[in-house]
Amino acid sequence: MKRKRVMLIFVPLLLLFVGALCWLSFFNQDPSLALEAEVTELIQTQYEGSTIQSLTRQGTVYTVMIDHRLGIYELMLDGETRDVLSLQLITLHEEKGGDEEGPEEEPVSTMLTEEQAIAIAQQEVEGKVDDIELEEEDGLHVYEIEIEVDDDTEATIVMNAYTGQILSVTWD
């Protein structure tokens, strides 16, 4: 009798607990938030030839480490809008030279003009150039180019002033 009473209390509580877990696992997902598979597909489509090293989510923002031919980048993506919030170069890959002796590439000795820098930046982000500044960051001369994409969005591109390599793209 006492055992039946315990079972009558325990079984419904167990079923209620299992049901709550199922509801939280399957039905309580924000449908507007991108899933990891969708983020992976977006990145592989937009950055062909890249390998995703890690993908983490904090709130609605995904942080993705990408290994691309030029280096390792940190990409931050808004999981709700699927917009790239920032793309920043973390580590530049060193060119792999063999033991073979051959003609070495001459180092770039002249700095890009503002017009050349703007042309490279607009290949990355289309829009109206709002501002361009030549600055020195950690001993490296860079152009900071602000491009207005639309009324609400502006991209800031940081570019190596000698090579034209884009070091980061930040969206505001």
Protein backbone atom coordinates (compact mmCIF):
# COMPACT_ATOMS: atom_id res chain seq x y z
CA MET A 1 0.00 0.00 0.00
CA LYS A 2 2.75 2.38 0.95
CA ARG A 3 4.65 1.34 -2.19
CA LYS A 4 1.64 2.14 -4.40
CA ARG A 5 1.36 5.59 -2.87
CA VAL A 6 5.06 6.30 -3.53
CA MET A 7 4.69 5.08 -7.12
CA LEU A 8 1.60 7.26 -7.67
CA ILE A 9 3.64 10.30 -6.67
CA PHE A 10 6.98 9.35 -8.24
CA VAL A 11 5.79 8.26 -11.73
CA PRO A 12 3.85 11.46 -12.57
CA LEU A 13 6.74 13.60 -11.31
CA LEU A 14 9.17 11.64 -13.46
CA LEU A 15 6.93 12.01 -16.52
CA LEU A 16 6.58 15.74 -15.87
CA PHE A 17 10.36 16.12 -15.58
CA VAL A 18 11.04 14.16 -18.81
CA GLY A 19 8.37 16.17 -20.63
CA ALA A 20 9.89 19.47 -19.47
CA LEU A 21 13.34 18.37 -20.67
CA CYS A 22 11.96 17.42 -24.08
CA TRP A 23 10.15 20.74 -24.40
CA LEU A 24 13.29 22.69 -23.47
CA SER A 25 15.45 20.66 -25.84
CA PHE A 26 13.26 20.67 -28.92
CA PHE A 27 10.60 23.32 -28.75
CA ASN A 28 12.16 26.21 -26.87
CA GLN A 29 14.66 27.24 -29.55
CA ASP A 30 14.58 30.75 -30.93
CA PRO A 31 13.60 30.19 -34.58
CA SER A 32 15.25 33.44 -35.65
CA LEU A 33 18.66 32.39 -34.32
CA ALA A 34 20.92 30.68 -36.85
CA LEU A 35 21.96 27.13 -36.06
CA GLU A 36 25.63 26.13 -36.12
CA ALA A 37 25.10 24.23 -39.37
CA GLU A 38 23.66 27.35 -41.00
CA VAL A 39 26.57 29.49 -39.75
CA THR A 40 29.04 26.93 -41.08
CA GLU A 41 27.33 26.92 -44.48
CA LEU A 42 27.28 30.74 -44.63
CA ILE A 43 30.99 30.95 -43.89
CA GLN A 44 31.98 28.20 -46.30
CA THR A 45 29.95 29.89 -49.04
CA GLN A 46 31.26 33.39 -48.39
CA TYR A 47 34.88 32.44 -47.65
CA GLU A 48 35.63 29.63 -50.10
CA GLY A 49 38.76 27.64 -49.39
CA SER A 50 38.60 28.40 -45.67
CA THR A 51 38.61 25.85 -42.90
CA ILE A 52 36.63 26.48 -39.73
CA GLN A 53 38.84 25.81 -36.72
CA SER A 54 36.30 26.60 -34.02
CA LEU A 55 32.77 27.90 -33.70
CA THR A 56 31.33 29.18 -30.42
CA ARG A 57 28.18 31.05 -29.52
CA GLN A 58 27.71 33.60 -26.77
CA GLY A 59 24.17 34.91 -26.67
CA THR A 60 23.21 35.68 -30.26
CA VAL A 61 26.78 36.23 -31.51
CA TYR A 62 28.83 33.45 -33.07
CA THR A 63 32.62 33.67 -32.93
CA VAL A 64 34.32 31.63 -35.65
CA MET A 65 38.04 31.02 -36.11
CA ILE A 66 38.79 30.56 -39.82
CA ASP A 67 42.00 29.26 -41.38
CA HIS A 68 42.29 30.95 -44.77
CA ARG A 69 45.19 30.90 -47.22
CA LEU A 70 46.60 34.19 -45.86
CA GLY A 71 46.15 33.52 -42.16
CA ILE A 72 43.87 32.79 -39.28
CA TYR A 73 40.91 35.12 -38.86
CA GLU A 74 38.36 35.70 -36.13
CA LEU A 75 34.90 36.31 -37.56
CA MET A 76 31.99 37.50 -35.44
CA LEU A 77 28.52 36.86 -36.87
CA ASP A 78 25.14 38.03 -35.58
CA GLY A 79 23.06 34.85 -35.27
CA GLU A 80 19.77 36.69 -35.70
CA THR A 81 20.53 38.90 -38.73
CA ARG A 82 23.28 36.65 -40.14
CA ASP A 83 25.42 39.78 -40.66
CA VAL A 84 29.20 39.75 -40.23
CA LEU A 85 29.97 42.03 -37.29
CA SER A 86 33.74 41.90 -37.67
CA LEU A 87 36.50 40.03 -39.42
CA GLN A 88 39.94 40.37 -37.91
CA LEU A 89 43.30 38.85 -38.85
CA ILE A 90 44.71 37.01 -35.83
CA THR A 91 47.81 35.34 -37.29
CA LEU A 92 49.39 35.85 -40.68
CA HIS A 93 50.64 32.64 -42.31
CA GLU A 94 54.31 32.79 -43.13
CA GLU A 95 55.15 31.93 -46.69
CA LYS A 96 56.49 28.44 -46.90
CA GLY A 97 59.80 28.50 -48.63
CA GLY A 98 61.57 25.33 -49.55
CA ASP A 99 65.26 24.63 -49.41
CA GLU A 100 65.37 25.39 -53.10
CA GLU A 101 67.26 28.46 -54.05
CA GLY A 102 65.48 30.62 -56.51
CA PRO A 103 64.77 34.21 -57.19
CA GLU A 104 63.36 35.90 -54.14
CA GLU A 105 60.43 38.23 -54.47
CA GLU A 106 61.41 41.82 -54.04
CA PRO A 107 59.88 43.45 -51.02
CA VAL A 108 57.26 46.08 -51.71
CA SER A 109 59.02 49.39 -51.24
CA THR A 110 56.32 51.87 -52.17
CA MET A 111 53.17 52.63 -50.29
CA LEU A 112 49.81 52.37 -52.01
CA THR A 113 48.15 55.63 -52.93
CA GLU A 114 44.84 56.51 -51.31
CA GLU A 115 43.13 55.85 -54.65
CA GLN A 116 44.65 52.36 -54.88
CA ALA A 117 43.68 51.60 -51.28
CA ILE A 118 40.11 52.78 -51.93
CA ALA A 119 39.87 50.59 -55.05
CA ILE A 120 41.00 47.51 -53.08
CA ALA A 121 38.63 48.30 -50.21
CA GLN A 122 35.67 48.71 -52.55
CA GLN A 123 36.35 45.27 -53.99
CA GLU A 124 35.79 43.95 -50.46
CA VAL A 125 32.86 46.23 -49.47
CA GLU A 126 30.78 48.16 -51.98
CA GLY A 127 29.62 51.62 -50.94
CA LYS A 128 30.59 55.27 -50.65
CA VAL A 129 33.94 56.08 -49.08
CA ASP A 130 33.30 58.29 -46.07
CA ASP A 131 36.87 58.71 -44.78
CA ILE A 132 40.41 57.39 -45.30
CA GLU A 133 43.33 57.82 -42.92
CA LEU A 134 46.93 56.62 -42.97
CA GLU A 135 48.00 55.45 -39.52
CA GLU A 136 50.71 53.42 -37.87
CA GLU A 137 49.67 50.42 -35.77
CA ASP A 138 52.33 48.30 -34.07
CA GLY A 139 54.97 49.60 -36.47
CA LEU A 140 52.87 48.82 -39.53
CA HIS A 141 51.48 51.53 -41.80
CA VAL A 142 47.80 50.91 -42.44
CA TYR A 143 44.95 52.65 -44.16
CA GLU A 144 41.71 52.90 -42.20
CA ILE A 145 38.92 53.29 -44.73
CA GLU A 146 35.34 53.98 -43.70
CA ILE A 147 32.75 52.96 -46.29
CA GLU A 148 29.08 53.84 -45.93
CA VAL A 149 27.10 50.87 -47.23
CA ASP A 150 23.63 52.29 -46.56
CA ASP A 151 22.00 54.76 -44.19
CA ASP A 152 22.41 52.48 -41.17
CA THR A 153 25.56 50.52 -41.95
CA GLU A 154 29.20 51.52 -42.17
CA ALA A 155 32.25 49.30 -42.63
CA THR A 156 35.73 50.16 -41.41
CA ILE A 157 38.48 48.40 -43.34
CA VAL A 158 42.04 48.24 -42.01
CA MET A 159 44.52 47.54 -44.80
CA ASN A 160 48.29 47.14 -45.00
CA ALA A 161 49.40 50.35 -46.71
CA TYR A 162 52.18 48.59 -48.63
CA THR A 163 50.68 45.27 -49.70
CA GLY A 164 46.97 46.10 -49.81
CA GLN A 165 46.22 43.08 -47.62
CA ILE A 166 43.00 43.59 -45.70
CA LEU A 167 43.69 43.03 -42.01
CA SER A 168 40.19 43.53 -40.67
CA VAL A 169 36.66 44.56 -41.60
CA THR A 170 34.44 45.93 -38.83
CA TRP A 171 30.76 46.69 -39.30
CA ASP A 172 28.96 49.45 -37.39
